[in-house]
Amino acid sequence: MKPHQLIGLRYRLGADPDRHQAADCVSLARHVLKYYGINSPEPTRDWYRRVKRKDFSIFKEQLENWGNETNEFKIGTVALCKSSIGYGLAVYWENGRLNCGEQVVRWNPIDSLAIEKYYYPSSRNFVSS
């Protein structure tokens, strides 16, 4: 599924867009990164257990293992976003962000979300051609 095809999918924790026609912020970010040829960690059951317990520190832990903090939002960048209900991920696409907002995948302008930090993949996460 290409990034533009993700827009409008409903949000469901643990969903894979190809199998469920739904996404969560992790599967959304993974899909877009894969489109750009960037590897990202495969989520585990423990990740989802922690999110269900509202332990959102899993996002920061995994992002810090995967990439480096940056101030630039460009292809390959993942943003750790803060909302009234916790944390989630947004990923750069088409000069904006894809994220799971209001229970559906949306594209938003760059400056539309409250961002905690940006992460850019370390060089080991780029797939060689």
C-alpha atoms as a PDB file:
ATOM      1  CA  MET A   1       0.000   0.000   0.000  1.00  0.00           C
ATOM      2  CA  LYS A   2       1.425   3.396  -0.979  1.00  0.00           C
ATOM      3  CA  PRO A   3       1.368   6.305   1.503  1.00  0.00           C
ATOM      4  CA  HIS A   4      -1.480   8.151  -0.230  1.00  0.00           C
ATOM      5  CA  GLN A   5      -3.617   5.001   0.071  1.00  0.00           C
ATOM      6  CA  LEU A   6      -3.281   5.110   3.860  1.00  0.00           C
ATOM      7  CA  ILE A   7      -5.178   8.397   4.125  1.00  0.00           C
ATOM      8  CA  GLY A   8      -8.680   7.752   5.379  1.00  0.00           C
ATOM      9  CA  LEU A   9      -7.976   4.340   6.915  1.00  0.00           C
ATOM     10  CA  ARG A  10      -9.546   3.979  10.326  1.00  0.00           C
ATOM     11  CA  TYR A  11      -7.411   3.746  13.452  1.00  0.00           C
ATOM     12  CA  ARG A  12      -7.122   0.416  15.229  1.00  0.00           C
ATOM     13  CA  LEU A  13      -4.379  -0.441  17.704  1.00  0.00           C
ATOM     14  CA  GLY A  14      -2.260  -3.304  16.373  1.00  0.00           C
ATOM     15  CA  ALA A  15      -3.714  -3.129  12.854  1.00  0.00           C
ATOM     16  CA  ASP A  16      -1.681  -3.665   9.706  1.00  0.00           C
ATOM     17  CA  PRO A  17      -2.946  -1.627   6.733  1.00  0.00           C
ATOM     18  CA  ASP A  18      -2.462  -4.437   4.208  1.00  0.00           C
ATOM     19  CA  ARG A  19      -4.312  -7.039   6.280  1.00  0.00           C
ATOM     20  CA  HIS A  20      -6.887  -5.015   8.194  1.00  0.00           C
ATOM     21  CA  GLN A  21      -7.586  -1.908   6.082  1.00  0.00           C
ATOM     22  CA  ALA A  22      -6.834  -0.002   9.300  1.00  0.00           C
ATOM     23  CA  ALA A  23      -3.667   1.356  10.917  1.00  0.00           C
ATOM     24  CA  ASP A  24      -2.168   2.517  14.149  1.00  0.00           C
ATOM     25  CA  CYS A  25       0.619   5.084  14.406  1.00  0.00           C
ATOM     26  CA  VAL A  26       3.355   2.417  14.441  1.00  0.00           C
ATOM     27  CA  SER A  27       2.117   0.542  11.370  1.00  0.00           C
ATOM     28  CA  LEU A  28       1.508   3.859   9.614  1.00  0.00           C
ATOM     29  CA  ALA A  29       5.078   5.030  10.249  1.00  0.00           C
ATOM     30  CA  ARG A  30       6.509   1.625   9.257  1.00  0.00           C
ATOM     31  CA  HIS A  31       4.577   1.637   5.963  1.00  0.00           C
ATOM     32  CA  VAL A  32       5.763   5.102   4.967  1.00  0.00           C
ATOM     33  CA  LEU A  33       9.364   4.413   5.998  1.00  0.00           C
ATOM     34  CA  LYS A  34       9.338   1.158   4.017  1.00  0.00           C
ATOM     35  CA  TYR A  35       8.072   3.104   0.984  1.00  0.00           C
ATOM     36  CA  TYR A  36      11.184   5.288   1.281  1.00  0.00           C
ATOM     37  CA  GLY A  37      13.474   2.253   1.737  1.00  0.00           C
ATOM     38  CA  ILE A  38      14.026   2.710   5.462  1.00  0.00           C
ATOM     39  CA  ASN A  39      13.957  -0.164   7.941  1.00  0.00           C
ATOM     40  CA  SER A  40      12.122   0.191  11.232  1.00  0.00           C
ATOM     41  CA  PRO A  41      11.658  -2.150  14.184  1.00  0.00           C
ATOM     42  CA  GLU A  42       8.924  -4.767  14.103  1.00  0.00           C
ATOM     43  CA  PRO A  43       6.516  -4.031  16.952  1.00  0.00           C
ATOM     44  CA  THR A  44       6.114  -6.713  19.597  1.00  0.00           C
ATOM     45  CA  ARG A  45       3.200  -7.679  21.800  1.00  0.00           C
ATOM     46  CA  ASP A  46       4.996  -6.013  24.693  1.00  0.00           C
ATOM     47  CA  TRP A  47       4.877  -2.668  22.861  1.00  0.00           C
ATOM     48  CA  TYR A  48       1.109  -2.903  22.558  1.00  0.00           C
ATOM     49  CA  ARG A  49       0.685  -4.081  26.143  1.00  0.00           C
ATOM     50  CA  ARG A  50       2.597  -1.040  27.314  1.00  0.00           C
ATOM     51  CA  VAL A  51       0.549   1.342  25.160  1.00  0.00           C
ATOM     52  CA  LYS A  52      -2.690  -0.180  26.490  1.00  0.00           C
ATOM     53  CA  ARG A  53      -1.380   0.484  30.029  1.00  0.00           C
ATOM     54  CA  LYS A  54      -0.689   4.071  28.885  1.00  0.00           C
ATOM     55  CA  ASP A  55       3.064   3.515  29.183  1.00  0.00           C
ATOM     56  CA  PHE A  56       3.971   5.675  26.197  1.00  0.00           C
ATOM     57  CA  SER A  57       7.684   5.640  27.046  1.00  0.00           C
ATOM     58  CA  ILE A  58       7.947   2.719  24.598  1.00  0.00           C
ATOM     59  CA  PHE A  59       7.791   5.210  21.713  1.00  0.00           C
ATOM     60  CA  LYS A  60      10.747   7.245  22.924  1.00  0.00           C
ATOM     61  CA  GLU A  61      12.766   4.126  23.803  1.00  0.00           C
ATOM     62  CA  GLN A  62      12.283   2.597  20.368  1.00  0.00           C
ATOM     63  CA  LEU A  63      12.850   5.857  18.481  1.00  0.00           C
ATOM     64  CA  GLU A  64      16.117   6.462  20.347  1.00  0.00           C
ATOM     65  CA  ASN A  65      17.292   2.922  19.480  1.00  0.00           C
ATOM     66  CA  TRP A  66      16.280   3.361  15.842  1.00  0.00           C
ATOM     67  CA  GLY A  67      17.483   6.848  15.018  1.00  0.00           C
ATOM     68  CA  ASN A  68      18.909  10.153  16.099  1.00  0.00           C
ATOM     69  CA  GLU A  69      17.162  13.208  17.401  1.00  0.00           C
ATOM     70  CA  THR A  70      16.935  15.951  14.791  1.00  0.00           C
ATOM     71  CA  ASN A  71      15.415  19.391  14.274  1.00  0.00           C
ATOM     72  CA  GLU A  72      14.632  18.759  10.603  1.00  0.00           C
ATOM     73  CA  PHE A  73      11.424  17.242   9.361  1.00  0.00           C
ATOM     74  CA  LYS A  74      12.182  15.573   6.037  1.00  0.00           C
ATOM     75  CA  ILE A  75      11.818  12.233   4.264  1.00  0.00           C
ATOM     76  CA  GLY A  76      12.474   9.502   6.817  1.00  0.00           C
ATOM     77  CA  THR A  77      11.701  11.613   9.872  1.00  0.00           C
ATOM     78  CA  VAL A  78       9.329  10.317  12.540  1.00  0.00           C
ATOM     79  CA  ALA A  79       7.810  12.707  15.063  1.00  0.00           C
ATOM     80  CA  LEU A  80       6.869  11.836  18.612  1.00  0.00           C
ATOM     81  CA  CYS A  81       3.584  13.718  19.081  1.00  0.00           C
ATOM     82  CA  LYS A  82       1.810  14.600  22.281  1.00  0.00           C
ATOM     83  CA  SER A  83      -1.960  14.859  22.524  1.00  0.00           C
ATOM     84  CA  SER A  84      -4.536  15.085  25.267  1.00  0.00           C
ATOM     85  CA  ILE A  85      -4.798  11.275  25.384  1.00  0.00           C
ATOM     86  CA  GLY A  86      -1.087  10.420  25.323  1.00  0.00           C
ATOM     87  CA  TYR A  87       1.595  10.031  22.691  1.00  0.00           C
ATOM     88  CA  GLY A  88       1.731   8.798  19.138  1.00  0.00           C
ATOM     89  CA  LEU A  89       3.820   8.939  15.990  1.00  0.00           C
ATOM     90  CA  ALA A  90       3.595  11.010  12.846  1.00  0.00           C
ATOM     91  CA  VAL A  91       5.747  10.463   9.776  1.00  0.00           C
ATOM     92  CA  TYR A  92       6.907  12.874   7.071  1.00  0.00           C
ATOM     93  CA  TRP A  93       5.173  12.552   3.712  1.00  0.00           C
ATOM     94  CA  GLU A  94       4.569  15.066   0.899  1.00  0.00           C
ATOM     95  CA  ASN A  95       5.761  18.144   2.811  1.00  0.00           C
ATOM     96  CA  GLY A  96       3.452  17.337   5.713  1.00  0.00           C
ATOM     97  CA  ARG A  97       2.695  14.619   8.219  1.00  0.00           C
ATOM     98  CA  LEU A  98       0.691  11.450   8.152  1.00  0.00           C
ATOM     99  CA  ASN A  99      -0.729  10.532  11.536  1.00  0.00           C
ATOM    100  CA  CYS A 100      -3.705   8.775  13.125  1.00  0.00           C
ATOM    101  CA  GLY A 101      -5.758  11.774  14.185  1.00  0.00           C
ATOM    102  CA  GLU A 102      -9.413  11.627  15.213  1.00  0.00           C
ATOM    103  CA  GLN A 103      -9.520   7.845  14.697  1.00  0.00           C
ATOM    104  CA  VAL A 104      -8.500   8.032  11.042  1.00  0.00           C
ATOM    105  CA  VAL A 105      -5.238   8.424   9.101  1.00  0.00           C
ATOM    106  CA  ARG A 106      -4.836  12.017   7.993  1.00  0.00           C
ATOM    107  CA  TRP A 107      -2.327  14.214   6.224  1.00  0.00           C
ATOM    108  CA  ASN A 108      -1.613  17.455   8.082  1.00  0.00           C
ATOM    109  CA  PRO A 109       0.605  20.444   7.407  1.00  0.00           C
ATOM    110  CA  ILE A 110       4.021  20.381   9.080  1.00  0.00           C
ATOM    111  CA  ASP A 111       3.159  22.816  11.867  1.00  0.00           C
ATOM    112  CA  SER A 112      -0.223  21.357  12.822  1.00  0.00           C
ATOM    113  CA  LEU A 113       0.735  18.952  15.625  1.00  0.00           C
ATOM    114  CA  ALA A 114       2.301  19.304  19.063  1.00  0.00           C
ATOM    115  CA  ILE A 115       5.702  17.660  18.615  1.00  0.00           C
ATOM    116  CA  GLU A 116       7.813  16.394  21.485  1.00  0.00           C
ATOM    117  CA  LYS A 117      10.823  15.333  19.358  1.00  0.00           C
ATOM    118  CA  TYR A 118      11.834  14.425  15.826  1.00  0.00           C
ATOM    119  CA  TYR A 119      13.919  11.360  14.988  1.00  0.00           C
ATOM    120  CA  TYR A 120      15.811  10.594  11.804  1.00  0.00           C
ATOM    121  CA  PRO A 121      16.981   7.038  11.035  1.00  0.00           C
ATOM    122  CA  SER A 122      20.572   6.125  11.698  1.00  0.00           C
ATOM    123  CA  SER A 123      22.509   5.116   8.568  1.00  0.00           C
ATOM    124  CA  ARG A 124      22.161   1.406   9.398  1.00  0.00           C
ATOM    125  CA  ASN A 125      18.398   1.668   8.778  1.00  0.00           C
ATOM    126  CA  PHE A 126      18.608   2.635   5.109  1.00  0.00           C
ATOM    127  CA  VAL A 127      18.195  -0.248   2.692  1.00  0.00           C
ATOM    128  CA  SER A 128      21.079  -0.345   0.219  1.00  0.00           C
ATOM    129  CA  SER A 129      20.154  -0.409  -3.454  1.00  0.00           C
END
